[in-house]
Amino acid sequence: LSELALREDANGPALDITFQRSGNMSVYGDVVVDHISATGASTRVGNVNGLAVYSPNARRRFRLALSPDKNVDYHSGRLQVRYADQSSKPRKLAEKELILK
């Protein structure tokens, strides 16, 4: 995961994410995004199931709409992004955080 960027427009907050893949196999999994407040409280603000990055593409850009929850301050804390496969015991494929200002 790279190039995380928070966007806000008339439709509400969204997170731009770039997925990078290497090797000769496609990757397929679920994305979850949690907002971690300055006090450490965690709130799930986004998720998408079944996101794929197909071979031979080395990267995929994706914009995920986030919850417009009034209790979440998108100007402080951090966003934690996790990408995991869809097995019965999900295996983390990637993780990245974005510090909010």
PDB file of N, CA and C in Angstrom:
ATOM      1  N   LEU A   1       0.844  -1.168   0.000  1.00  0.00           N
ATOM      2  CA  LEU A   1       0.000   0.000   0.000  1.00  0.00           C
ATOM      3  C   LEU A   1       0.890   1.231   0.000  1.00  0.00           C
ATOM      4  N   SER A   2       0.506   2.204  -0.805  1.00  0.00           N
ATOM      5  CA  SER A   2       1.277   3.444  -0.855  1.00  0.00           C
ATOM      6  C   SER A   2       0.358   4.578  -1.298  1.00  0.00           C
ATOM      7  N   GLU A   3       0.930   5.770  -1.302  1.00  0.00           N
ATOM      8  CA  GLU A   3       0.240   6.959  -1.794  1.00  0.00           C
ATOM      9  C   GLU A   3      -1.138   7.151  -1.166  1.00  0.00           C
ATOM     10  N   LEU A   4      -1.245   6.937   0.165  1.00  0.00           N
ATOM     11  CA  LEU A   4      -2.508   7.171   0.861  1.00  0.00           C
ATOM     12  C   LEU A   4      -2.772   8.671   0.894  1.00  0.00           C
ATOM     13  N   ALA A   5      -4.007   9.061   0.557  1.00  0.00           N
ATOM     14  CA  ALA A   5      -4.368  10.479   0.579  1.00  0.00           C
ATOM     15  C   ALA A   5      -5.850  10.607   0.906  1.00  0.00           C
ATOM     16  N   LEU A   6      -6.153  11.444   1.885  1.00  0.00           N
ATOM     17  CA  LEU A   6      -7.531  11.712   2.267  1.00  0.00           C
ATOM     18  C   LEU A   6      -8.070  12.832   1.386  1.00  0.00           C
ATOM     19  N   ARG A   7      -9.242  12.624   0.816  1.00  0.00           N
ATOM     20  CA  ARG A   7      -9.910  13.617  -0.026  1.00  0.00           C
ATOM     21  C   ARG A   7     -11.268  13.916   0.595  1.00  0.00           C
ATOM     22  N   GLU A   8     -11.668  15.170   0.552  1.00  0.00           N
ATOM     23  CA  GLU A   8     -13.002  15.546   1.003  1.00  0.00           C
ATOM     24  C   GLU A   8     -13.632  16.421  -0.061  1.00  0.00           C
ATOM     25  N   ASP A   9     -14.855  16.049  -0.466  1.00  0.00           N
ATOM     26  CA  ASP A   9     -15.578  16.851  -1.438  1.00  0.00           C
ATOM     27  C   ASP A   9     -17.056  16.831  -1.064  1.00  0.00           C
ATOM     28  N   ALA A  10     -17.916  17.226  -1.980  1.00  0.00           N
ATOM     29  CA  ALA A  10     -19.353  17.303  -1.703  1.00  0.00           C
ATOM     30  C   ALA A  10     -19.950  15.936  -1.336  1.00  0.00           C
ATOM     31  N   ASN A  11     -19.317  14.852  -1.776  1.00  0.00           N
ATOM     32  CA  ASN A  11     -19.804  13.501  -1.473  1.00  0.00           C
ATOM     33  C   ASN A  11     -19.318  12.991  -0.122  1.00  0.00           C
ATOM     34  N   GLY A  12     -18.436  13.741   0.539  1.00  0.00           N
ATOM     35  CA  GLY A  12     -17.900  13.323   1.829  1.00  0.00           C
ATOM     36  C   GLY A  12     -16.456  12.886   1.719  1.00  0.00           C
ATOM     37  N   PRO A  13     -15.925  12.310   2.806  1.00  0.00           N
ATOM     38  CA  PRO A  13     -14.522  11.903   2.812  1.00  0.00           C
ATOM     39  C   PRO A  13     -14.285  10.625   1.999  1.00  0.00           C
ATOM     40  N   ALA A  14     -13.100  10.546   1.411  1.00  0.00           N
ATOM     41  CA  ALA A  14     -12.694   9.350   0.662  1.00  0.00           C
ATOM     42  C   ALA A  14     -11.190   9.182   0.818  1.00  0.00           C
ATOM     43  N   LEU A  15     -10.740   7.952   0.689  1.00  0.00           N
ATOM     44  CA  LEU A  15      -9.320   7.649   0.816  1.00  0.00           C
ATOM     45  C   LEU A  15      -8.809   7.095  -0.504  1.00  0.00           C
ATOM     46  N   ASP A  16      -7.767   7.756  -1.049  1.00  0.00           N
ATOM     47  CA  ASP A  16      -7.087   7.243  -2.236  1.00  0.00           C
ATOM     48  C   ASP A  16      -5.985   6.300  -1.778  1.00  0.00           C
ATOM     49  N   ILE A  17      -5.925   5.123  -2.405  1.00  0.00           N
ATOM     50  CA  ILE A  17      -4.951   4.097  -2.050  1.00  0.00           C
ATOM     51  C   ILE A  17      -4.336   3.556  -3.337  1.00  0.00           C
ATOM     52  N   THR A  18      -3.031   3.335  -3.322  1.00  0.00           N
ATOM     53  CA  THR A  18      -2.374   2.650  -4.428  1.00  0.00           C
ATOM     54  C   THR A  18      -1.908   1.287  -3.913  1.00  0.00           C
ATOM     55  N   PHE A  19      -2.360   0.228  -4.595  1.00  0.00           N
ATOM     56  CA  PHE A  19      -1.956  -1.138  -4.266  1.00  0.00           C
ATOM     57  C   PHE A  19      -0.831  -1.515  -5.217  1.00  0.00           C
ATOM     58  N   GLN A  20       0.253  -2.042  -4.664  1.00  0.00           N
ATOM     59  CA  GLN A  20       1.380  -2.465  -5.484  1.00  0.00           C
ATOM     60  C   GLN A  20       1.566  -3.972  -5.335  1.00  0.00           C
ATOM     61  N   ARG A  21       1.771  -4.638  -6.468  1.00  0.00           N
ATOM     62  CA  ARG A  21       1.880  -6.088  -6.499  1.00  0.00           C
ATOM     63  C   ARG A  21       3.126  -6.474  -7.268  1.00  0.00           C
ATOM     64  N   SER A  22       3.767  -7.557  -6.839  1.00  0.00           N
ATOM     65  CA  SER A  22       4.906  -8.074  -7.590  1.00  0.00           C
ATOM     66  C   SER A  22       4.725  -9.578  -7.745  1.00  0.00           C
ATOM     67  N   GLY A  23       5.502 -10.166  -8.628  1.00  0.00           N
ATOM     68  CA  GLY A  23       5.390 -11.603  -8.880  1.00  0.00           C
ATOM     69  C   GLY A  23       4.493 -11.877 -10.070  1.00  0.00           C
ATOM     70  N   ASN A  24       4.137 -13.154 -10.241  1.00  0.00           N
ATOM     71  CA  ASN A  24       3.356 -13.544 -11.415  1.00  0.00           C
ATOM     72  C   ASN A  24       1.928 -13.966 -11.082  1.00  0.00           C
ATOM     73  N   MET A  25       1.464 -13.675  -9.869  1.00  0.00           N
ATOM     74  CA  MET A  25       0.099 -14.038  -9.474  1.00  0.00           C
ATOM     75  C   MET A  25      -0.705 -12.786  -9.133  1.00  0.00           C
ATOM     76  N   SER A  26      -2.001 -12.831  -9.418  1.00  0.00           N
ATOM     77  CA  SER A  26      -2.899 -11.757  -9.018  1.00  0.00           C
ATOM     78  C   SER A  26      -3.114 -11.844  -7.518  1.00  0.00           C
ATOM     79  N   VAL A  27      -3.590 -10.755  -6.927  1.00  0.00           N
ATOM     80  CA  VAL A  27      -3.899 -10.747  -5.499  1.00  0.00           C
ATOM     81  C   VAL A  27      -5.348 -10.284  -5.349  1.00  0.00           C
ATOM     82  N   TYR A  28      -6.049 -10.884  -4.362  1.00  0.00           N
ATOM     83  CA  TYR A  28      -7.475 -10.655  -4.182  1.00  0.00           C
ATOM     84  C   TYR A  28      -7.755 -10.638  -2.688  1.00  0.00           C
ATOM     85  N   GLY A  29      -8.409  -9.581  -2.202  1.00  0.00           N
ATOM     86  CA  GLY A  29      -8.662  -9.530  -0.762  1.00  0.00           C
ATOM     87  C   GLY A  29      -9.627  -8.431  -0.363  1.00  0.00           C
ATOM     88  N   ASP A  30      -9.719  -8.225   0.948  1.00  0.00           N
ATOM     89  CA  ASP A  30     -10.626  -7.259   1.543  1.00  0.00           C
ATOM     90  C   ASP A  30      -9.837  -6.117   2.167  1.00  0.00           C
ATOM     91  N   VAL A  31     -10.389  -4.913   2.081  1.00  0.00           N
ATOM     92  CA  VAL A  31      -9.775  -3.718   2.652  1.00  0.00           C
ATOM     93  C   VAL A  31     -10.639  -3.232   3.801  1.00  0.00           C
ATOM     94  N   VAL A  32     -10.013  -2.920   4.933  1.00  0.00           N
ATOM     95  CA  VAL A  32     -10.708  -2.275   6.047  1.00  0.00           C
ATOM     96  C   VAL A  32      -9.915  -1.041   6.447  1.00  0.00           C
ATOM     97  N   VAL A  33     -10.656   0.013   6.810  1.00  0.00           N
ATOM     98  CA  VAL A  33     -10.042   1.265   7.235  1.00  0.00           C
ATOM     99  C   VAL A  33     -10.640   1.643   8.580  1.00  0.00           C
ATOM    100  N   ASP A  34      -9.770   1.847   9.567  1.00  0.00           N
ATOM    101  CA  ASP A  34     -10.184   2.281  10.896  1.00  0.00           C
ATOM    102  C   ASP A  34      -9.594   3.651  11.183  1.00  0.00           C
ATOM    103  N   HIS A  35     -10.403   4.512  11.803  1.00  0.00           N
ATOM    104  CA  HIS A  35      -9.910   5.797  12.283  1.00  0.00           C
ATOM    105  C   HIS A  35      -9.497   5.590  13.726  1.00  0.00           C
ATOM    106  N   ILE A  36      -8.272   5.956  14.057  1.00  0.00           N
ATOM    107  CA  ILE A  36      -7.769   5.883  15.425  1.00  0.00           C
ATOM    108  C   ILE A  36      -7.655   7.326  15.910  1.00  0.00           C
ATOM    109  N   SER A  37      -8.453   7.672  16.924  1.00  0.00           N
ATOM    110  CA  SER A  37      -8.460   9.048  17.427  1.00  0.00           C
ATOM    111  C   SER A  37      -7.197   9.328  18.224  1.00  0.00           C
ATOM    112  N   ALA A  38      -7.007  10.589  18.580  1.00  0.00           N
ATOM    113  CA  ALA A  38      -5.849  10.994  19.381  1.00  0.00           C
ATOM    114  C   ALA A  38      -5.855  10.316  20.750  1.00  0.00           C
ATOM    115  N   THR A  39      -7.050   9.909  21.222  1.00  0.00           N
ATOM    116  CA  THR A  39      -7.149   9.223  22.515  1.00  0.00           C
ATOM    117  C   THR A  39      -7.034   7.713  22.381  1.00  0.00           C
ATOM    118  N   GLY A  40      -6.932   7.211  21.141  1.00  0.00           N
ATOM    119  CA  GLY A  40      -6.777   5.778  20.917  1.00  0.00           C
ATOM    120  C   GLY A  40      -8.057   5.030  20.591  1.00  0.00           C
ATOM    121  N   ALA A  41      -9.186   5.733  20.532  1.00  0.00           N
ATOM    122  CA  ALA A  41     -10.466   5.086  20.191  1.00  0.00           C
ATOM    123  C   ALA A  41     -10.469   4.711  18.709  1.00  0.00           C
ATOM    124  N   SER A  42     -10.905   3.490  18.416  1.00  0.00           N
ATOM    125  CA  SER A  42     -10.923   2.982  17.046  1.00  0.00           C
ATOM    126  C   SER A  42     -12.357   2.926  16.526  1.00  0.00           C
ATOM    127  N   THR A  43     -12.560   3.454  15.298  1.00  0.00           N
ATOM    128  CA  THR A  43     -13.871   3.433  14.648  1.00  0.00           C
ATOM    129  C   THR A  43     -13.695   2.951  13.217  1.00  0.00           C
ATOM    130  N   ARG A  44     -14.441   1.931  12.829  1.00  0.00           N
ATOM    131  CA  ARG A  44     -14.398   1.447  11.438  1.00  0.00           C
ATOM    132  C   ARG A  44     -15.072   2.487  10.551  1.00  0.00           C
ATOM    133  N   VAL A  45     -14.352   3.018   9.573  1.00  0.00           N
ATOM    134  CA  VAL A  45     -14.894   4.068   8.722  1.00  0.00           C
ATOM    135  C   VAL A  45     -14.996   3.657   7.253  1.00  0.00           C
ATOM    136  N   GLY A  46     -14.474   2.487   6.904  1.00  0.00           N
ATOM    137  CA  GLY A  46     -14.581   2.036   5.522  1.00  0.00           C
ATOM    138  C   GLY A  46     -14.181   0.593   5.357  1.00  0.00           C
ATOM    139  N   ASN A  47     -14.778  -0.059   4.386  1.00  0.00           N
ATOM    140  CA  ASN A  47     -14.366  -1.410   4.017  1.00  0.00           C
ATOM    141  C   ASN A  47     -14.900  -1.735   2.625  1.00  0.00           C
ATOM    142  N   VAL A  48     -14.181  -2.608   1.957  1.00  0.00           N
ATOM    143  CA  VAL A  48     -14.607  -3.122   0.661  1.00  0.00           C
ATOM    144  C   VAL A  48     -14.112  -4.563   0.570  1.00  0.00           C
ATOM    145  N   ASN A  49     -14.978  -5.432   0.079  1.00  0.00           N
ATOM    146  CA  ASN A  49     -14.626  -6.847  -0.060  1.00  0.00           C
ATOM    147  C   ASN A  49     -14.322  -7.171  -1.524  1.00  0.00           C
ATOM    148  N   GLY A  50     -13.357  -8.052  -1.720  1.00  0.00           N
ATOM    149  CA  GLY A  50     -13.064  -8.570  -3.048  1.00  0.00           C
ATOM    150  C   GLY A  50     -12.351  -7.617  -3.980  1.00  0.00           C
ATOM    151  N   LEU A  51     -11.381  -6.883  -3.475  1.00  0.00           N
ATOM    152  CA  LEU A  51     -10.602  -5.983  -4.326  1.00  0.00           C
ATOM    153  C   LEU A  51      -9.426  -6.764  -4.909  1.00  0.00           C
ATOM    154  N   ALA A  52      -9.277  -6.709  -6.226  1.00  0.00           N
ATOM    155  CA  ALA A  52      -8.223  -7.474  -6.905  1.00  0.00           C
ATOM    156  C   ALA A  52      -7.218  -6.562  -7.586  1.00  0.00           C
ATOM    157  N   VAL A  53      -5.967  -7.020  -7.618  1.00  0.00           N
ATOM    158  CA  VAL A  53      -4.924  -6.422  -8.443  1.00  0.00           C
ATOM    159  C   VAL A  53      -4.443  -7.561  -9.334  1.00  0.00           C
ATOM    160  N   TYR A  54      -4.825  -7.501 -10.591  1.00  0.00           N
ATOM    161  CA  TYR A  54      -4.558  -8.604 -11.505  1.00  0.00           C
ATOM    162  C   TYR A  54      -3.178  -8.532 -12.127  1.00  0.00           C
ATOM    163  N   SER A  55      -2.587  -9.714 -12.309  1.00  0.00           N
ATOM    164  CA  SER A  55      -1.337  -9.855 -13.034  1.00  0.00           C
ATOM    165  C   SER A  55      -1.655  -9.591 -14.505  1.00  0.00           C
ATOM    166  N   PRO A  56      -0.863  -8.902 -15.238  1.00  0.00           N
ATOM    167  CA  PRO A  56       0.497  -8.466 -15.001  1.00  0.00           C
ATOM    168  C   PRO A  56       0.596  -7.046 -14.438  1.00  0.00           C
ATOM    169  N   ASN A  57      -0.517  -6.425 -14.056  1.00  0.00           N
ATOM    170  CA  ASN A  57      -0.463  -5.053 -13.530  1.00  0.00           C
ATOM    171  C   ASN A  57       0.339  -5.001 -12.241  1.00  0.00           C
ATOM    172  N   ALA A  58       1.215  -4.049 -12.136  1.00  0.00           N
ATOM    173  CA  ALA A  58       2.045  -3.903 -10.935  1.00  0.00           C
ATOM    174  C   ALA A  58       1.371  -3.035  -9.886  1.00  0.00           C
ATOM    175  N   ARG A  59       0.372  -2.233 -10.306  1.00  0.00           N
ATOM    176  CA  ARG A  59      -0.298  -1.372  -9.331  1.00  0.00           C
ATOM    177  C   ARG A  59      -1.744  -1.134  -9.727  1.00  0.00           C
ATOM    178  N   ARG A  60      -2.527  -0.770  -8.705  1.00  0.00           N
ATOM    179  CA  ARG A  60      -3.916  -0.392  -8.918  1.00  0.00           C
ATOM    180  C   ARG A  60      -4.234   0.769  -7.989  1.00  0.00           C
ATOM    181  N   ARG A  61      -4.821   1.806  -8.549  1.00  0.00           N
ATOM    182  CA  ARG A  61      -5.275   2.940  -7.742  1.00  0.00           C
ATOM    183  C   ARG A  61      -6.755   2.755  -7.444  1.00  0.00           C
ATOM    184  N   PHE A  62      -7.135   3.100  -6.218  1.00  0.00           N
ATOM    185  CA  PHE A  62      -8.515   2.869  -5.784  1.00  0.00           C
ATOM    186  C   PHE A  62      -8.940   3.990  -4.848  1.00  0.00           C
ATOM    187  N   ARG A  63     -10.168   4.459  -4.980  1.00  0.00           N
ATOM    188  CA  ARG A  63     -10.728   5.466  -4.067  1.00  0.00           C
ATOM    189  C   ARG A  63     -11.867   4.809  -3.285  1.00  0.00           C
ATOM    190  N   LEU A  64     -11.731   4.831  -1.955  1.00  0.00           N
ATOM    191  CA  LEU A  64     -12.706   4.218  -1.062  1.00  0.00           C
ATOM    192  C   LEU A  64     -13.461   5.312  -0.324  1.00  0.00           C
ATOM    193  N   ALA A  65     -14.789   5.358  -0.493  1.00  0.00           N
ATOM    194  CA  ALA A  65     -15.622   6.311   0.242  1.00  0.00           C
ATOM    195  C   ALA A  65     -15.605   5.938   1.716  1.00  0.00           C
ATOM    196  N   LEU A  66     -15.410   6.938   2.574  1.00  0.00           N
ATOM    197  CA  LEU A  66     -15.371   6.716   4.017  1.00  0.00           C
ATOM    198  C   LEU A  66     -16.669   7.190   4.655  1.00  0.00           C
ATOM    199  N   SER A  67     -16.943   6.670   5.822  1.00  0.00           N
ATOM    200  CA  SER A  67     -18.147   7.037   6.565  1.00  0.00           C
ATOM    201  C   SER A  67     -18.130   8.529   6.886  1.00  0.00           C
ATOM    202  N   PRO A  68     -19.250   9.220   6.638  1.00  0.00           N
ATOM    203  CA  PRO A  68     -19.324  10.636   6.995  1.00  0.00           C
ATOM    204  C   PRO A  68     -19.733  10.824   8.460  1.00  0.00           C
ATOM    205  N   ASP A  69     -19.368   9.884   9.320  1.00  0.00           N
ATOM    206  CA  ASP A  69     -19.731   9.885  10.740  1.00  0.00           C
ATOM    207  C   ASP A  69     -19.332  11.207  11.396  1.00  0.00           C
ATOM    208  N   LYS A  70     -20.303  11.883  11.996  1.00  0.00           N
ATOM    209  CA  LYS A  70     -20.045  13.184  12.642  1.00  0.00           C
ATOM    210  C   LYS A  70     -19.138  13.048  13.865  1.00  0.00           C
ATOM    211  N   ASN A  71     -19.015  11.835  14.418  1.00  0.00           N
ATOM    212  CA  ASN A  71     -18.172  11.616  15.594  1.00  0.00           C
ATOM    213  C   ASN A  71     -16.704  11.367  15.241  1.00  0.00           C
ATOM    214  N   VAL A  72     -16.392  11.290  13.953  1.00  0.00           N
ATOM    215  CA  VAL A  72     -15.019  11.040  13.511  1.00  0.00           C
ATOM    216  C   VAL A  72     -14.427  12.349  13.000  1.00  0.00           C
ATOM    217  N   ASP A  73     -13.296  12.735  13.575  1.00  0.00           N
ATOM    218  CA  ASP A  73     -12.592  13.949  13.157  1.00  0.00           C
ATOM    219  C   ASP A  73     -11.493  13.554  12.168  1.00  0.00           C
ATOM    220  N   TYR A  74     -11.737  13.804  10.892  1.00  0.00           N
ATOM    221  CA  TYR A  74     -10.777  13.445   9.849  1.00  0.00           C
ATOM    222  C   TYR A  74      -9.602  14.421   9.764  1.00  0.00           C
ATOM    223  N   HIS A  75      -9.504  15.328  10.742  1.00  0.00           N
ATOM    224  CA  HIS A  75      -8.392  16.274  10.773  1.00  0.00           C
ATOM    225  C   HIS A  75      -7.422  15.965  11.911  1.00  0.00           C
ATOM    226  N   SER A  76      -7.667  14.883  12.648  1.00  0.00           N
ATOM    227  CA  SER A  76      -6.740  14.479  13.712  1.00  0.00           C
ATOM    228  C   SER A  76      -6.761  12.963  13.855  1.00  0.00           C
ATOM    229  N   GLY A  77      -5.753  12.445  14.518  1.00  0.00           N
ATOM    230  CA  GLY A  77      -5.632  10.995  14.675  1.00  0.00           C
ATOM    231  C   GLY A  77      -4.946  10.395  13.457  1.00  0.00           C
ATOM    232  N   ARG A  78      -5.342   9.161  13.122  1.00  0.00           N
ATOM    233  CA  ARG A  78      -4.739   8.480  11.972  1.00  0.00           C
ATOM    234  C   ARG A  78      -5.726   7.485  11.367  1.00  0.00           C
ATOM    235  N   LEU A  79      -5.504   7.153  10.116  1.00  0.00           N
ATOM    236  CA  LEU A  79      -6.277   6.112   9.438  1.00  0.00           C
ATOM    237  C   LEU A  79      -5.386   4.895   9.288  1.00  0.00           C
ATOM    238  N   GLN A  80      -5.884   3.753   9.724  1.00  0.00           N
ATOM    239  CA  GLN A  80      -5.156   2.491   9.603  1.00  0.00           C
ATOM    240  C   GLN A  80      -5.831   1.676   8.496  1.00  0.00           C
ATOM    241  N   VAL A  81      -5.065   1.320   7.474  1.00  0.00           N
ATOM    242  CA  VAL A  81      -5.585   0.593   6.312  1.00  0.00           C
ATOM    243  C   VAL A  81      -4.974  -0.801   6.305  1.00  0.00           C
ATOM    244  N   ARG A  82      -5.837  -1.824   6.207  1.00  0.00           N
ATOM    245  CA  ARG A  82      -5.363  -3.205   6.150  1.00  0.00           C
ATOM    246  C   ARG A  82      -5.978  -3.911   4.938  1.00  0.00           C
ATOM    247  N   TYR A  83      -5.170  -4.718   4.279  1.00  0.00           N
ATOM    248  CA  TYR A  83      -5.593  -5.522   3.128  1.00  0.00           C
ATOM    249  C   TYR A  83      -5.276  -6.969   3.468  1.00  0.00           C
ATOM    250  N   ALA A  84      -6.303  -7.830   3.457  1.00  0.00           N
ATOM    251  CA  ALA A  84      -6.124  -9.235   3.845  1.00  0.00           C
ATOM    252  C   ALA A  84      -6.819 -10.143   2.842  1.00  0.00           C
ATOM    253  N   ASP A  85      -6.305 -11.371   2.703  1.00  0.00           N
ATOM    254  CA  ASP A  85      -6.952 -12.319   1.790  1.00  0.00           C
ATOM    255  C   ASP A  85      -8.288 -12.778   2.375  1.00  0.00           C
ATOM    256  N   GLN A  86      -9.041 -13.544   1.590  1.00  0.00           N
ATOM    257  CA  GLN A  86     -10.381 -13.952   1.999  1.00  0.00           C
ATOM    258  C   GLN A  86     -10.455 -15.399   2.470  1.00  0.00           C
ATOM    259  N   SER A  87      -9.407 -15.910   3.051  1.00  0.00           N
ATOM    260  CA  SER A  87      -9.417 -17.290   3.543  1.00  0.00           C
ATOM    261  C   SER A  87     -10.191 -17.372   4.864  1.00  0.00           C
ATOM    262  N   SER A  88     -10.421 -18.589   5.360  1.00  0.00           N
ATOM    263  CA  SER A  88     -11.150 -18.760   6.626  1.00  0.00           C
ATOM    264  C   SER A  88     -10.392 -18.140   7.797  1.00  0.00           C
ATOM    265  N   LYS A  89      -9.073 -18.082   7.686  1.00  0.00           N
ATOM    266  CA  LYS A  89      -8.228 -17.362   8.651  1.00  0.00           C
ATOM    267  C   LYS A  89      -7.494 -16.292   7.855  1.00  0.00           C
ATOM    268  N   PRO A  90      -8.119 -15.088   7.713  1.00  0.00           N
ATOM    269  CA  PRO A  90      -7.531 -14.065   6.847  1.00  0.00           C
ATOM    270  C   PRO A  90      -6.067 -13.759   7.181  1.00  0.00           C
ATOM    271  N   ARG A  91      -5.260 -13.723   6.130  1.00  0.00           N
ATOM    272  CA  ARG A  91      -3.834 -13.428   6.247  1.00  0.00           C
ATOM    273  C   ARG A  91      -3.608 -12.006   5.758  1.00  0.00           C
ATOM    274  N   LYS A  92      -2.959 -11.187   6.599  1.00  0.00           N
ATOM    275  CA  LYS A  92      -2.694  -9.806   6.234  1.00  0.00           C
ATOM    276  C   LYS A  92      -1.717  -9.765   5.069  1.00  0.00           C
ATOM    277  N   LEU A  93      -2.108  -9.070   4.011  1.00  0.00           N
ATOM    278  CA  LEU A  93      -1.261  -8.913   2.835  1.00  0.00           C
ATOM    279  C   LEU A  93      -0.489  -7.593   2.892  1.00  0.00           C
ATOM    280  N   ALA A  94      -1.115  -6.573   3.486  1.00  0.00           N
ATOM    281  CA  ALA A  94      -0.463  -5.260   3.576  1.00  0.00           C
ATOM    282  C   ALA A  94      -1.160  -4.416   4.625  1.00  0.00           C
ATOM    283  N   GLU A  95      -0.400  -3.467   5.171  1.00  0.00           N
ATOM    284  CA  GLU A  95      -0.941  -2.547   6.174  1.00  0.00           C
ATOM    285  C   GLU A  95      -0.180  -1.229   6.089  1.00  0.00           C
ATOM    286  N   LYS A  96      -0.905  -0.132   6.255  1.00  0.00           N
ATOM    287  CA  LYS A  96      -0.280   1.199   6.189  1.00  0.00           C
ATOM    288  C   LYS A  96      -1.139   2.167   6.985  1.00  0.00           C
ATOM    289  N   GLU A  97      -0.504   3.196   7.553  1.00  0.00           N
ATOM    290  CA  GLU A  97      -1.236   4.224   8.288  1.00  0.00           C
ATOM    291  C   GLU A  97      -1.006   5.583   7.657  1.00  0.00           C
ATOM    292  N   LEU A  98      -2.037   6.418   7.767  1.00  0.00           N
ATOM    293  CA  LEU A  98      -1.964   7.791   7.318  1.00  0.00           C
ATOM    294  C   LEU A  98      -2.212   8.681   8.531  1.00  0.00           C
ATOM    295  N   ILE A  99      -1.244   9.518   8.872  1.00  0.00           N
ATOM    296  CA  ILE A  99      -1.385  10.473   9.971  1.00  0.00           C
ATOM    297  C   ILE A  99      -2.209  11.651   9.464  1.00  0.00           C
ATOM    298  N   LEU A 100      -3.265  11.993  10.195  1.00  0.00           N
ATOM    299  CA  LEU A 100      -4.160  13.076   9.790  1.00  0.00           C
ATOM    300  C   LEU A 100      -3.767  14.383  10.448  1.00  0.00           C
ATOM    301  N   LYS A 101      -3.879  15.472   9.712  1.00  0.00           N
ATOM    302  CA  LYS A 101      -3.527  16.804  10.230  1.00  0.00           C
ATOM    303  C   LYS A 101      -4.625  17.785   9.946  1.00  0.00           C
TER     304      LYS A 101
END
